[in-house]
Amino acid sequence: MTLAALRAGLYPRGGRRADPRLTMRLFDLAFPNPLGMAAGFDKNGEVPDAVLGMGFGFAEVGTVTPRPQPGNPRPRLFRLAADRAVINRFGFNNEGHDALRRRLEARAARGGIVGVNVGANKDSADRVADYVAGIRRFADLASYFTVNVSSPNTPGLRDLQARSSLHELLVRVITARDEEARRIGRAVPVLLKISPDVDQQALEDIAEEVTATAVDGLIVSNTTVSRAGLTERHHAQEAGGLSGRPLFRKSTIVLARMRKLVGPSLPIIGVGGIDSPQAAWTKITAGATLLQLYSALVYEGPGLVGRILAHLSTELERNGLDSLADACGADLEAWSGQDIT
């Protein structure tokens, strides 16, 4: 229903005046503000311009796989209202590369930052080849790429985060990106999206591989399979990835730990449990460069976008900072040292 409304133009326009202190220039892209719509909402690239029109600084479409696939059987989405959370096990349901390409070609002249989140078909014989195919298919249309190896809803997908598998994946993806860059005249940034359920050793391995292969950035994090601390019992044990408020603390600790490992320069998009203006600011001070949200809109509605941006401006004023970049990682030590259990 939400996608239908957005297609029909029935959405609140982002009406607040842009704050130049919230602009970010990363990967040779000018982000008008740091708040983006996370992947999973607009899987087939139907409404990126409406998302941008709501006030988001950027949109991410997908996850898209080479061939269309229906995803997992329904029911596959569950609200945990008492916890302000959502469990999903969609399983990369999408219309495939061809359908997304047609839509992105049709809106290419409109501008705006639209990233493409690429994945692998569930029944693929060579999942790495599926990611490479996504890079080649959308290199001339994507503002940036997200390599999604962290969804818990495709069996075995998270195994690609293991160091040996991750190395092969990133080398092949970056090689394809660089080959396409020679064809189109620009190198599209590649970001890696990771799970919040990895331990410290795995984080160190990922950080080393990201550095070694010159990946352009990280997204921390995807949904979690943990059910720790939930009060809702009716749907709490449903299989799938948990998002929303209960993910905030865990994903923020992982974000801060990864920031310590990769240093201050590598861009990191912080996502997971951002459901208030205060949570957005906390994610920045824990080490995020940019932000994404999705599940919070279920409970807070589209007005959350404007409230977050206004609060970020207020915090800059309160702290005497000239730009959001000056706040990045201000509370890094406090967050990275917390117990993740």
C-alpha atoms as a PDB file:
ATOM      1  CA  MET A   1       0.000   0.000   0.000  1.00  0.00           C
ATOM      2  CA  THR A   2       2.852   2.372   0.800  1.00  0.00           C
ATOM      3  CA  LEU A   3       4.540   1.735  -2.539  1.00  0.00           C
ATOM      4  CA  ALA A   4       1.217   2.313  -4.325  1.00  0.00           C
ATOM      5  CA  ALA A   5       0.749   5.598  -2.490  1.00  0.00           C
ATOM      6  CA  LEU A   6       4.242   6.739  -3.371  1.00  0.00           C
ATOM      7  CA  ARG A   7       3.758   5.788  -7.016  1.00  0.00           C
ATOM      8  CA  ALA A   8       0.607   7.931  -7.010  1.00  0.00           C
ATOM      9  CA  GLY A   9       2.452  10.887  -5.487  1.00  0.00           C
ATOM     10  CA  LEU A  10       0.604  10.634  -2.158  1.00  0.00           C
ATOM     11  CA  TYR A  11       3.362  11.418   0.311  1.00  0.00           C
ATOM     12  CA  PRO A  12       4.538  14.344   2.428  1.00  0.00           C
ATOM     13  CA  ARG A  13       7.213  16.413   0.723  1.00  0.00           C
ATOM     14  CA  GLY A  14      10.387  17.198   2.595  1.00  0.00           C
ATOM     15  CA  GLY A  15       9.624  20.827   3.276  1.00  0.00           C
ATOM     16  CA  ARG A  16      12.320  21.883   5.729  1.00  0.00           C
ATOM     17  CA  ARG A  17      15.096  24.178   4.578  1.00  0.00           C
ATOM     18  CA  ALA A  18      18.308  22.334   3.857  1.00  0.00           C
ATOM     19  CA  ASP A  19      21.044  22.829   6.437  1.00  0.00           C
ATOM     20  CA  PRO A  20      24.412  23.082   4.672  1.00  0.00           C
ATOM     21  CA  ARG A  21      26.098  21.693   7.789  1.00  0.00           C
ATOM     22  CA  LEU A  22      24.352  18.367   7.113  1.00  0.00           C
ATOM     23  CA  THR A  23      25.687  18.011   3.585  1.00  0.00           C
ATOM     24  CA  MET A  24      28.335  15.349   3.038  1.00  0.00           C
ATOM     25  CA  ARG A  25      30.686  14.819   0.123  1.00  0.00           C
ATOM     26  CA  LEU A  26      31.753  11.200  -0.128  1.00  0.00           C
ATOM     27  CA  PHE A  27      32.869   9.064  -3.076  1.00  0.00           C
ATOM     28  CA  ASP A  28      32.584  12.212  -5.262  1.00  0.00           C
ATOM     29  CA  LEU A  29      28.865  12.263  -4.421  1.00  0.00           C
ATOM     30  CA  ALA A  30      27.196  15.267  -2.818  1.00  0.00           C
ATOM     31  CA  PHE A  31      24.749  13.999  -0.195  1.00  0.00           C
ATOM     32  CA  PRO A  32      22.250  16.805   0.619  1.00  0.00           C
ATOM     33  CA  ASN A  33      21.775  15.254   4.054  1.00  0.00           C
ATOM     34  CA  PRO A  34      23.042  12.100   5.766  1.00  0.00           C
ATOM     35  CA  LEU A  35      19.753  10.185   6.074  1.00  0.00           C
ATOM     36  CA  GLY A  36      18.938   7.460   3.565  1.00  0.00           C
ATOM     37  CA  MET A  37      16.231   4.887   3.001  1.00  0.00           C
ATOM     38  CA  ALA A  38      17.676   1.433   3.581  1.00  0.00           C
ATOM     39  CA  ALA A  39      17.458  -1.405   1.093  1.00  0.00           C
ATOM     40  CA  GLY A  40      14.513  -3.767   1.298  1.00  0.00           C
ATOM     41  CA  PHE A  41      11.812  -1.127   1.044  1.00  0.00           C
ATOM     42  CA  ASP A  42      11.999  -0.412  -2.690  1.00  0.00           C
ATOM     43  CA  LYS A  43      13.338  -3.724  -3.923  1.00  0.00           C
ATOM     44  CA  ASN A  44      12.398  -3.134  -7.553  1.00  0.00           C
ATOM     45  CA  GLY A  45      13.271   0.549  -7.927  1.00  0.00           C
ATOM     46  CA  GLU A  46       9.660   1.682  -8.220  1.00  0.00           C
ATOM     47  CA  VAL A  47       9.784   4.858  -6.115  1.00  0.00           C
ATOM     48  CA  PRO A  48      13.312   6.229  -5.527  1.00  0.00           C
ATOM     49  CA  ASP A  49      12.256   9.728  -6.571  1.00  0.00           C
ATOM     50  CA  ALA A  50       9.347   9.705  -4.129  1.00  0.00           C
ATOM     51  CA  VAL A  51      11.717   8.588  -1.366  1.00  0.00           C
ATOM     52  CA  LEU A  52      14.026  11.482  -2.170  1.00  0.00           C
ATOM     53  CA  GLY A  53      11.027  13.789  -2.322  1.00  0.00           C
ATOM     54  CA  MET A  54      10.098  12.848   1.253  1.00  0.00           C
ATOM     55  CA  GLY A  55      13.338  14.448   2.420  1.00  0.00           C
ATOM     56  CA  PHE A  56      15.788  11.552   2.398  1.00  0.00           C
ATOM     57  CA  GLY A  57      19.278  12.483   1.259  1.00  0.00           C
ATOM     58  CA  PHE A  58      19.664   9.249  -0.679  1.00  0.00           C
ATOM     59  CA  ALA A  59      17.789   6.067  -1.528  1.00  0.00           C
ATOM     60  CA  GLU A  60      18.952   2.485  -1.877  1.00  0.00           C
ATOM     61  CA  VAL A  61      17.027   0.063  -4.083  1.00  0.00           C
ATOM     62  CA  GLY A  62      17.150  -3.735  -3.988  1.00  0.00           C
ATOM     63  CA  THR A  63      18.282  -6.228  -2.937  1.00  0.00           C
ATOM     64  CA  VAL A  64      18.146  -7.246  -6.594  1.00  0.00           C
ATOM     65  CA  THR A  65      19.177 -10.649  -7.956  1.00  0.00           C
ATOM     66  CA  PRO A  66      19.985 -11.542 -11.573  1.00  0.00           C
ATOM     67  CA  ARG A  67      16.811 -13.569 -12.081  1.00  0.00           C
ATOM     68  CA  PRO A  68      13.392 -12.788 -10.601  1.00  0.00           C
ATOM     69  CA  GLN A  69      12.476 -14.818  -7.553  1.00  0.00           C
ATOM     70  CA  PRO A  70       9.355 -14.947  -5.357  1.00  0.00           C
ATOM     71  CA  GLY A  71      11.136 -15.118  -2.025  1.00  0.00           C
ATOM     72  CA  ASN A  72      10.070 -17.256   0.892  1.00  0.00           C
ATOM     73  CA  PRO A  73       6.499 -18.486   1.466  1.00  0.00           C
ATOM     74  CA  ARG A  74       4.040 -16.220   3.261  1.00  0.00           C
ATOM     75  CA  PRO A  75       3.565 -15.254   6.020  1.00  0.00           C
ATOM     76  CA  ARG A  76       7.044 -13.763   6.109  1.00  0.00           C
ATOM     77  CA  LEU A  77       6.647 -10.420   7.905  1.00  0.00           C
ATOM     78  CA  PHE A  78       5.750  -9.996  11.587  1.00  0.00           C
ATOM     79  CA  ARG A  79       5.315  -6.893  13.722  1.00  0.00           C
ATOM     80  CA  LEU A  80       6.415  -6.977  17.345  1.00  0.00           C
ATOM     81  CA  ALA A  81       4.609  -3.834  18.425  1.00  0.00           C
ATOM     82  CA  ALA A  82       5.519  -4.062  22.104  1.00  0.00           C
ATOM     83  CA  ASP A  83       9.198  -4.013  21.132  1.00  0.00           C
ATOM     84  CA  ARG A  84       8.829  -1.559  18.232  1.00  0.00           C
ATOM     85  CA  ALA A  85      10.420  -4.231  16.082  1.00  0.00           C
ATOM     86  CA  VAL A  86       9.865  -6.237  12.904  1.00  0.00           C
ATOM     87  CA  ILE A  87      10.875  -9.762  11.899  1.00  0.00           C
ATOM     88  CA  ASN A  88      11.082 -10.540   8.196  1.00  0.00           C
ATOM     89  CA  ARG A  89      12.114 -13.514   6.161  1.00  0.00           C
ATOM     90  CA  PHE A  90      11.349 -12.191   2.687  1.00  0.00           C
ATOM     91  CA  GLY A  91      14.256 -13.988   1.022  1.00  0.00           C
ATOM     92  CA  PHE A  92      15.240 -11.426  -1.644  1.00  0.00           C
ATOM     93  CA  ASN A  93      11.851 -11.349  -3.354  1.00  0.00           C
ATOM     94  CA  ASN A  94      12.364  -9.140  -6.420  1.00  0.00           C
ATOM     95  CA  GLU A  95      11.717  -8.836 -10.147  1.00  0.00           C
ATOM     96  CA  GLY A  96      15.338  -9.280 -11.211  1.00  0.00           C
ATOM     97  CA  HIS A  97      17.955  -7.252 -13.055  1.00  0.00           C
ATOM     98  CA  ASP A  98      15.985  -6.529 -16.216  1.00  0.00           C
ATOM     99  CA  ALA A  99      13.000  -4.952 -14.447  1.00  0.00           C
ATOM    100  CA  LEU A 100      15.173  -2.787 -12.209  1.00  0.00           C
ATOM    101  CA  ARG A 101      17.325  -1.651 -15.108  1.00  0.00           C
ATOM    102  CA  ARG A 102      14.276  -0.486 -17.090  1.00  0.00           C
ATOM    103  CA  ARG A 103      13.091   1.624 -14.155  1.00  0.00           C
ATOM    104  CA  LEU A 104      16.496   3.134 -13.410  1.00  0.00           C
ATOM    105  CA  GLU A 105      16.996   4.014 -17.073  1.00  0.00           C
ATOM    106  CA  ALA A 106      13.626   5.777 -17.100  1.00  0.00           C
ATOM    107  CA  ARG A 107      14.535   8.030 -14.148  1.00  0.00           C
ATOM    108  CA  ALA A 108      18.255   8.500 -14.831  1.00  0.00           C
ATOM    109  CA  ALA A 109      17.936  12.142 -15.908  1.00  0.00           C
ATOM    110  CA  ARG A 110      16.276  13.143 -12.626  1.00  0.00           C
ATOM    111  CA  GLY A 111      19.461  12.976 -10.583  1.00  0.00           C
ATOM    112  CA  GLY A 112      19.638  12.274  -6.888  1.00  0.00           C
ATOM    113  CA  ILE A 113      21.724   9.629  -5.171  1.00  0.00           C
ATOM    114  CA  VAL A 114      20.282   6.153  -5.738  1.00  0.00           C
ATOM    115  CA  GLY A 115      22.362   3.175  -4.661  1.00  0.00           C
ATOM    116  CA  VAL A 116      21.825  -0.378  -5.884  1.00  0.00           C
ATOM    117  CA  ASN A 117      21.980  -3.266  -3.416  1.00  0.00           C
ATOM    118  CA  VAL A 118      23.036  -6.449  -5.223  1.00  0.00           C
ATOM    119  CA  GLY A 119      22.560 -10.042  -4.115  1.00  0.00           C
ATOM    120  CA  ALA A 120      22.526 -13.638  -5.308  1.00  0.00           C
ATOM    121  CA  ASN A 121      19.699 -15.907  -6.348  1.00  0.00           C
ATOM    122  CA  LYS A 122      18.817 -18.557  -3.792  1.00  0.00           C
ATOM    123  CA  ASP A 123      19.432 -21.407  -6.264  1.00  0.00           C
ATOM    124  CA  SER A 124      22.519 -19.939  -7.894  1.00  0.00           C
ATOM    125  CA  ALA A 125      25.383 -22.323  -8.646  1.00  0.00           C
ATOM    126  CA  ASP A 126      27.894 -19.464  -8.367  1.00  0.00           C
ATOM    127  CA  ARG A 127      26.746 -16.767  -5.987  1.00  0.00           C
ATOM    128  CA  VAL A 128      29.839 -14.646  -6.443  1.00  0.00           C
ATOM    129  CA  ALA A 129      29.088 -14.548 -10.174  1.00  0.00           C
ATOM    130  CA  ASP A 130      25.635 -13.159  -9.333  1.00  0.00           C
ATOM    131  CA  TYR A 131      27.199 -10.225  -7.480  1.00  0.00           C
ATOM    132  CA  VAL A 132      29.581  -9.591 -10.358  1.00  0.00           C
ATOM    133  CA  ALA A 133      26.622  -9.659 -12.765  1.00  0.00           C
ATOM    134  CA  GLY A 134      24.904  -6.992 -10.668  1.00  0.00           C
ATOM    135  CA  ILE A 135      27.950  -4.753 -10.807  1.00  0.00           C
ATOM    136  CA  ARG A 136      28.186  -5.057 -14.567  1.00  0.00           C
ATOM    137  CA  ARG A 137      24.439  -4.612 -15.118  1.00  0.00           C
ATOM    138  CA  PHE A 138      24.059  -1.363 -13.180  1.00  0.00           C
ATOM    139  CA  ALA A 139      27.490   0.303 -13.300  1.00  0.00           C
ATOM    140  CA  ASP A 140      26.227   3.076 -15.567  1.00  0.00           C
ATOM    141  CA  LEU A 141      23.125   3.738 -13.438  1.00  0.00           C
ATOM    142  CA  ALA A 142      24.029   3.205  -9.765  1.00  0.00           C
ATOM    143  CA  SER A 143      25.310   6.054  -7.609  1.00  0.00           C
ATOM    144  CA  TYR A 144      26.932   3.380  -5.454  1.00  0.00           C
ATOM    145  CA  PHE A 145      26.719  -0.373  -4.928  1.00  0.00           C
ATOM    146  CA  THR A 146      25.989  -2.319  -1.778  1.00  0.00           C
ATOM    147  CA  VAL A 147      27.204  -5.910  -1.681  1.00  0.00           C
ATOM    148  CA  ASN A 148      24.733  -7.664   0.587  1.00  0.00           C
ATOM    149  CA  VAL A 149      26.207 -10.810   2.123  1.00  0.00           C
ATOM    150  CA  SER A 150      24.512 -10.382   5.482  1.00  0.00           C
ATOM    151  CA  SER A 151      20.835 -11.227   5.056  1.00  0.00           C
ATOM    152  CA  PRO A 152      19.866 -14.187   7.265  1.00  0.00           C
ATOM    153  CA  ASN A 153      17.025 -15.172   4.927  1.00  0.00           C
ATOM    154  CA  THR A 154      18.960 -16.813   2.091  1.00  0.00           C
ATOM    155  CA  PRO A 155      20.480 -20.093   3.330  1.00  0.00           C
ATOM    156  CA  GLY A 156      24.272 -19.978   3.383  1.00  0.00           C
ATOM    157  CA  LEU A 157      24.530 -16.352   2.281  1.00  0.00           C
ATOM    158  CA  ARG A 158      26.210 -15.174   5.484  1.00  0.00           C
ATOM    159  CA  ASP A 159      28.940 -17.751   4.870  1.00  0.00           C
ATOM    160  CA  LEU A 160      30.300 -15.275   2.316  1.00  0.00           C
ATOM    161  CA  GLN A 161      31.415 -13.126   5.265  1.00  0.00           C
ATOM    162  CA  ALA A 162      33.980 -15.794   6.186  1.00  0.00           C
ATOM    163  CA  ARG A 163      37.430 -14.524   5.316  1.00  0.00           C
ATOM    164  CA  SER A 164      38.359 -16.891   2.473  1.00  0.00           C
ATOM    165  CA  SER A 165      34.969 -16.508   0.785  1.00  0.00           C
ATOM    166  CA  LEU A 166      34.875 -12.776   1.374  1.00  0.00           C
ATOM    167  CA  HIS A 167      38.283 -12.289  -0.219  1.00  0.00           C
ATOM    168  CA  GLU A 168      37.217 -14.004  -3.438  1.00  0.00           C
ATOM    169  CA  LEU A 169      33.933 -12.096  -3.522  1.00  0.00           C
ATOM    170  CA  LEU A 170      35.498  -8.676  -2.998  1.00  0.00           C
ATOM    171  CA  VAL A 171      38.348  -9.259  -5.445  1.00  0.00           C
ATOM    172  CA  ARG A 172      35.941 -10.311  -8.186  1.00  0.00           C
ATOM    173  CA  VAL A 173      33.489  -7.508  -7.455  1.00  0.00           C
ATOM    174  CA  ILE A 174      36.147  -4.784  -7.363  1.00  0.00           C
ATOM    175  CA  THR A 175      37.770  -6.168 -10.519  1.00  0.00           C
ATOM    176  CA  ALA A 176      34.415  -6.015 -12.312  1.00  0.00           C
ATOM    177  CA  ARG A 177      33.813  -2.498 -11.010  1.00  0.00           C
ATOM    178  CA  ASP A 178      37.206  -1.345 -12.246  1.00  0.00           C
ATOM    179  CA  GLU A 179      36.662  -2.909 -15.673  1.00  0.00           C
ATOM    180  CA  GLU A 180      33.301  -1.169 -15.949  1.00  0.00           C
ATOM    181  CA  ALA A 181      34.911   2.099 -14.851  1.00  0.00           C
ATOM    182  CA  ARG A 182      37.103   2.070 -17.928  1.00  0.00           C
ATOM    183  CA  ARG A 183      33.993   1.643 -20.063  1.00  0.00           C
ATOM    184  CA  ILE A 184      31.776   4.307 -18.459  1.00  0.00           C
ATOM    185  CA  GLY A 185      34.432   6.751 -17.285  1.00  0.00           C
ATOM    186  CA  ARG A 186      33.801   6.574 -13.525  1.00  0.00           C
ATOM    187  CA  ALA A 187      34.398   4.088 -10.725  1.00  0.00           C
ATOM    188  CA  VAL A 188      31.159   3.390  -8.872  1.00  0.00           C
ATOM    189  CA  PRO A 189      31.756   3.122  -5.102  1.00  0.00           C
ATOM    190  CA  VAL A 190      31.301  -0.350  -3.620  1.00  0.00           C
ATOM    191  CA  LEU A 191      30.121  -0.777  -0.027  1.00  0.00           C
ATOM    192  CA  LEU A 192      29.929  -4.008   1.950  1.00  0.00           C
ATOM    193  CA  LYS A 193      26.913  -4.602   4.207  1.00  0.00           C
ATOM    194  CA  ILE A 194      27.662  -6.812   7.198  1.00  0.00           C
ATOM    195  CA  SER A 195      25.738  -8.663   9.869  1.00  0.00           C
ATOM    196  CA  PRO A 196      25.552  -7.570  13.511  1.00  0.00           C
ATOM    197  CA  ASP A 197      25.952 -11.211  14.548  1.00  0.00           C
ATOM    198  CA  VAL A 198      29.688 -11.523  13.843  1.00  0.00           C
ATOM    199  CA  ASP A 199      32.217 -11.855  16.651  1.00  0.00           C
ATOM    200  CA  GLN A 200      35.296  -9.713  17.205  1.00  0.00           C
ATOM    201  CA  GLN A 201      37.602 -12.010  15.239  1.00  0.00           C
ATOM    202  CA  ALA A 202      35.239 -11.951  12.277  1.00  0.00           C
ATOM    203  CA  LEU A 203      35.070  -8.158  12.469  1.00  0.00           C
ATOM    204  CA  GLU A 204      38.866  -8.003  12.370  1.00  0.00           C
ATOM    205  CA  ASP A 205      38.940 -10.340   9.369  1.00  0.00           C
ATOM    206  CA  ILE A 206      36.335  -8.279   7.529  1.00  0.00           C
ATOM    207  CA  ALA A 207      38.181  -5.052   8.278  1.00  0.00           C
ATOM    208  CA  GLU A 208      41.432  -6.483   6.915  1.00  0.00           C
ATOM    209  CA  GLU A 209      39.780  -7.748   3.722  1.00  0.00           C
ATOM    210  CA  VAL A 210      37.948  -4.464   3.160  1.00  0.00           C
ATOM    211  CA  THR A 211      41.237  -2.603   3.506  1.00  0.00           C
ATOM    212  CA  ALA A 212      43.186  -5.037   1.345  1.00  0.00           C
ATOM    213  CA  THR A 213      40.696  -4.961  -1.518  1.00  0.00           C
ATOM    214  CA  ALA A 214      40.075  -1.186  -1.359  1.00  0.00           C
ATOM    215  CA  VAL A 215      36.345  -1.427  -0.740  1.00  0.00           C
ATOM    216  CA  ASP A 216      34.949   2.104  -0.588  1.00  0.00           C
ATOM    217  CA  GLY A 217      32.823   1.792   2.545  1.00  0.00           C
ATOM    218  CA  LEU A 218      30.758  -0.313   4.900  1.00  0.00           C
ATOM    219  CA  ILE A 219      27.133  -0.545   5.965  1.00  0.00           C
ATOM    220  CA  VAL A 220      26.690  -1.648   9.579  1.00  0.00           C
ATOM    221  CA  SER A 221      24.413  -3.484   9.957  1.00  0.00           C
ATOM    222  CA  ASN A 222      21.813  -5.842   8.563  1.00  0.00           C
ATOM    223  CA  THR A 223      19.143  -7.532  10.693  1.00  0.00           C
ATOM    224  CA  THR A 224      19.937  -9.918  13.553  1.00  0.00           C
ATOM    225  CA  VAL A 225      18.919 -13.487  14.310  1.00  0.00           C
ATOM    226  CA  SER A 226      19.169 -12.763  18.025  1.00  0.00           C
ATOM    227  CA  ARG A 227      15.972 -12.523  20.053  1.00  0.00           C
ATOM    228  CA  ALA A 228      17.599 -11.249  23.244  1.00  0.00           C
ATOM    229  CA  GLY A 229      15.544  -8.886  25.361  1.00  0.00           C
ATOM    230  CA  LEU A 230      12.248  -9.135  23.493  1.00  0.00           C
ATOM    231  CA  THR A 231       9.034  -8.751  25.470  1.00  0.00           C
ATOM    232  CA  GLU A 232       6.678  -9.748  22.645  1.00  0.00           C
ATOM    233  CA  ARG A 233       6.089 -13.506  22.757  1.00  0.00           C
ATOM    234  CA  HIS A 234       3.531 -14.102  20.020  1.00  0.00           C
ATOM    235  CA  HIS A 235       5.917 -13.656  17.070  1.00  0.00           C
ATOM    236  CA  ALA A 236       9.292 -13.521  18.805  1.00  0.00           C
ATOM    237  CA  GLN A 237      10.360 -17.000  17.747  1.00  0.00           C
ATOM    238  CA  GLU A 238       9.484 -16.620  14.087  1.00  0.00           C
ATOM    239  CA  ALA A 239      12.474 -17.307  11.835  1.00  0.00           C
ATOM    240  CA  GLY A 240      14.024 -14.346  10.070  1.00  0.00           C
ATOM    241  CA  GLY A 241      15.913 -11.139  10.665  1.00  0.00           C
ATOM    242  CA  LEU A 242      14.939  -8.846  13.522  1.00  0.00           C
ATOM    243  CA  SER A 243      15.030  -5.088  12.924  1.00  0.00           C
ATOM    244  CA  GLY A 244      13.796  -2.043  14.780  1.00  0.00           C
ATOM    245  CA  ARG A 245      14.504  -0.745  18.263  1.00  0.00           C
ATOM    246  CA  PRO A 246      15.951  -3.980  19.781  1.00  0.00           C
ATOM    247  CA  LEU A 247      18.676  -3.962  17.112  1.00  0.00           C
ATOM    248  CA  PHE A 248      19.946  -0.498  17.993  1.00  0.00           C
ATOM    249  CA  ARG A 249      22.382  -1.286  20.800  1.00  0.00           C
ATOM    250  CA  LYS A 250      23.946  -4.335  19.157  1.00  0.00           C
ATOM    251  CA  SER A 251      24.337  -2.736  15.747  1.00  0.00           C
ATOM    252  CA  THR A 252      25.792   0.423  17.280  1.00  0.00           C
ATOM    253  CA  ILE A 253      28.411  -1.487  19.249  1.00  0.00           C
ATOM    254  CA  VAL A 254      29.408  -3.386  16.088  1.00  0.00           C
ATOM    255  CA  LEU A 255      29.545  -0.074  14.239  1.00  0.00           C
ATOM    256  CA  ALA A 256      31.855   1.472  16.821  1.00  0.00           C
ATOM    257  CA  ARG A 257      34.126  -1.581  16.903  1.00  0.00           C
ATOM    258  CA  MET A 258      34.377  -1.565  13.137  1.00  0.00           C
ATOM    259  CA  ARG A 259      35.136   2.149  13.149  1.00  0.00           C
ATOM    260  CA  LYS A 260      38.067   1.486  15.489  1.00  0.00           C
ATOM    261  CA  LEU A 261      39.339  -1.246  13.184  1.00  0.00           C
ATOM    262  CA  VAL A 262      39.139   0.664   9.892  1.00  0.00           C
ATOM    263  CA  GLY A 263      40.089   4.100  11.200  1.00  0.00           C
ATOM    264  CA  PRO A 264      38.424   7.489  10.825  1.00  0.00           C
ATOM    265  CA  SER A 265      38.485   7.878   7.040  1.00  0.00           C
ATOM    266  CA  LEU A 266      36.510   4.949   5.625  1.00  0.00           C
ATOM    267  CA  PRO A 267      32.826   5.906   5.221  1.00  0.00           C
ATOM    268  CA  ILE A 268      30.409   3.798   7.265  1.00  0.00           C
ATOM    269  CA  ILE A 269      26.647   3.955   6.904  1.00  0.00           C
ATOM    270  CA  GLY A 270      25.071   3.295  10.287  1.00  0.00           C
ATOM    271  CA  VAL A 271      21.761   1.436  10.178  1.00  0.00           C
ATOM    272  CA  GLY A 272      19.851  -0.582  12.738  1.00  0.00           C
ATOM    273  CA  GLY A 273      17.241   0.581  15.216  1.00  0.00           C
ATOM    274  CA  ILE A 274      17.262   4.285  14.381  1.00  0.00           C
ATOM    275  CA  ASP A 275      13.738   5.204  15.466  1.00  0.00           C
ATOM    276  CA  SER A 276      14.189   8.649  16.999  1.00  0.00           C
ATOM    277  CA  PRO A 277      16.184  11.835  16.445  1.00  0.00           C
ATOM    278  CA  GLN A 278      18.283  10.993  19.514  1.00  0.00           C
ATOM    279  CA  ALA A 279      19.111   7.541  18.149  1.00  0.00           C
ATOM    280  CA  ALA A 280      20.270   9.085  14.870  1.00  0.00           C
ATOM    281  CA  TRP A 281      22.652  11.456  16.668  1.00  0.00           C
ATOM    282  CA  THR A 282      23.963   8.594  18.813  1.00  0.00           C
ATOM    283  CA  LYS A 283      24.728   6.541  15.712  1.00  0.00           C
ATOM    284  CA  ILE A 284      26.775   9.439  14.322  1.00  0.00           C
ATOM    285  CA  THR A 285      28.742   9.917  17.520  1.00  0.00           C
ATOM    286  CA  ALA A 286      29.403   6.160  17.668  1.00  0.00           C
ATOM    287  CA  GLY A 287      31.182   6.385  14.310  1.00  0.00           C
ATOM    288  CA  ALA A 288      28.659   6.549  11.470  1.00  0.00           C
ATOM    289  CA  THR A 289      29.319   8.834   8.510  1.00  0.00           C
ATOM    290  CA  LEU A 290      25.832   8.465   7.024  1.00  0.00           C
ATOM    291  CA  LEU A 291      22.597   6.902   8.287  1.00  0.00           C
ATOM    292  CA  GLN A 292      19.824   4.681   6.986  1.00  0.00           C
ATOM    293  CA  LEU A 293      16.496   3.605   8.411  1.00  0.00           C
ATOM    294  CA  TYR A 294      13.456   1.599   7.364  1.00  0.00           C
ATOM    295  CA  SER A 295      11.639  -0.312  10.128  1.00  0.00           C
ATOM    296  CA  ALA A 296      11.090   2.781  12.256  1.00  0.00           C
ATOM    297  CA  LEU A 297       8.775   4.190   9.585  1.00  0.00           C
ATOM    298  CA  VAL A 298       6.307   1.411  10.441  1.00  0.00           C
ATOM    299  CA  TYR A 299       5.838   2.917  13.891  1.00  0.00           C
ATOM    300  CA  GLU A 300       6.883   6.557  13.498  1.00  0.00           C
ATOM    301  CA  GLY A 301       5.660   7.427  10.013  1.00  0.00           C
ATOM    302  CA  PRO A 302       7.364   9.630   7.410  1.00  0.00           C
ATOM    303  CA  GLY A 303       7.499  12.635   9.740  1.00  0.00           C
ATOM    304  CA  LEU A 304      10.464  10.965  11.408  1.00  0.00           C
ATOM    305  CA  VAL A 305      12.688  12.063   8.527  1.00  0.00           C
ATOM    306  CA  GLY A 306      12.216  15.762   9.191  1.00  0.00           C
ATOM    307  CA  ARG A 307      12.458  15.325  12.954  1.00  0.00           C
ATOM    308  CA  ILE A 308      15.809  13.577  12.630  1.00  0.00           C
ATOM    309  CA  LEU A 309      17.273  16.202  10.323  1.00  0.00           C
ATOM    310  CA  ALA A 310      16.080  19.026  12.572  1.00  0.00           C
ATOM    311  CA  HIS A 311      17.599  17.335  15.613  1.00  0.00           C
ATOM    312  CA  LEU A 312      20.940  16.812  13.906  1.00  0.00           C
ATOM    313  CA  SER A 313      21.064  20.530  13.163  1.00  0.00           C
ATOM    314  CA  THR A 314      20.170  21.340  16.761  1.00  0.00           C
ATOM    315  CA  GLU A 315      22.919  19.077  18.090  1.00  0.00           C
ATOM    316  CA  LEU A 316      25.493  20.714  15.836  1.00  0.00           C
ATOM    317  CA  GLU A 317      24.427  24.078  17.158  1.00  0.00           C
ATOM    318  CA  ARG A 318      24.458  22.891  20.759  1.00  0.00           C
ATOM    319  CA  ASN A 319      27.926  21.393  20.438  1.00  0.00           C
ATOM    320  CA  GLY A 320      29.392  24.288  18.460  1.00  0.00           C
ATOM    321  CA  LEU A 321      30.224  22.124  15.440  1.00  0.00           C
ATOM    322  CA  ASP A 322      30.488  23.321  11.865  1.00  0.00           C
ATOM    323  CA  SER A 323      29.605  20.035  10.167  1.00  0.00           C
ATOM    324  CA  LEU A 324      28.276  16.593  10.877  1.00  0.00           C
ATOM    325  CA  ALA A 325      31.683  15.144  10.071  1.00  0.00           C
ATOM    326  CA  ASP A 326      33.002  16.870  13.199  1.00  0.00           C
ATOM    327  CA  ALA A 327      30.642  14.758  15.339  1.00  0.00           C
ATOM    328  CA  CYS A 328      31.528  11.411  13.780  1.00  0.00           C
ATOM    329  CA  GLY A 329      32.974   9.095  16.417  1.00  0.00           C
ATOM    330  CA  ALA A 330      32.795  11.556  19.298  1.00  0.00           C
ATOM    331  CA  ASP A 331      31.585   8.734  21.585  1.00  0.00           C
ATOM    332  CA  LEU A 332      33.538   5.971  19.866  1.00  0.00           C
ATOM    333  CA  GLU A 333      35.355   4.701  22.945  1.00  0.00           C
ATOM    334  CA  ALA A 334      32.183   4.535  25.042  1.00  0.00           C
ATOM    335  CA  TRP A 335      30.367   2.445  22.435  1.00  0.00           C
ATOM    336  CA  SER A 336      33.196   0.220  21.236  1.00  0.00           C
ATOM    337  CA  GLY A 337      34.007  -0.893  24.763  1.00  0.00           C
ATOM    338  CA  GLN A 338      30.523  -2.136  25.621  1.00  0.00           C
ATOM    339  CA  ASP A 339      29.676  -5.809  26.068  1.00  0.00           C
ATOM    340  CA  ILE A 340      27.705  -6.923  23.037  1.00  0.00           C
ATOM    341  CA  THR A 341      25.848  -9.754  24.790  1.00  0.00           C
END
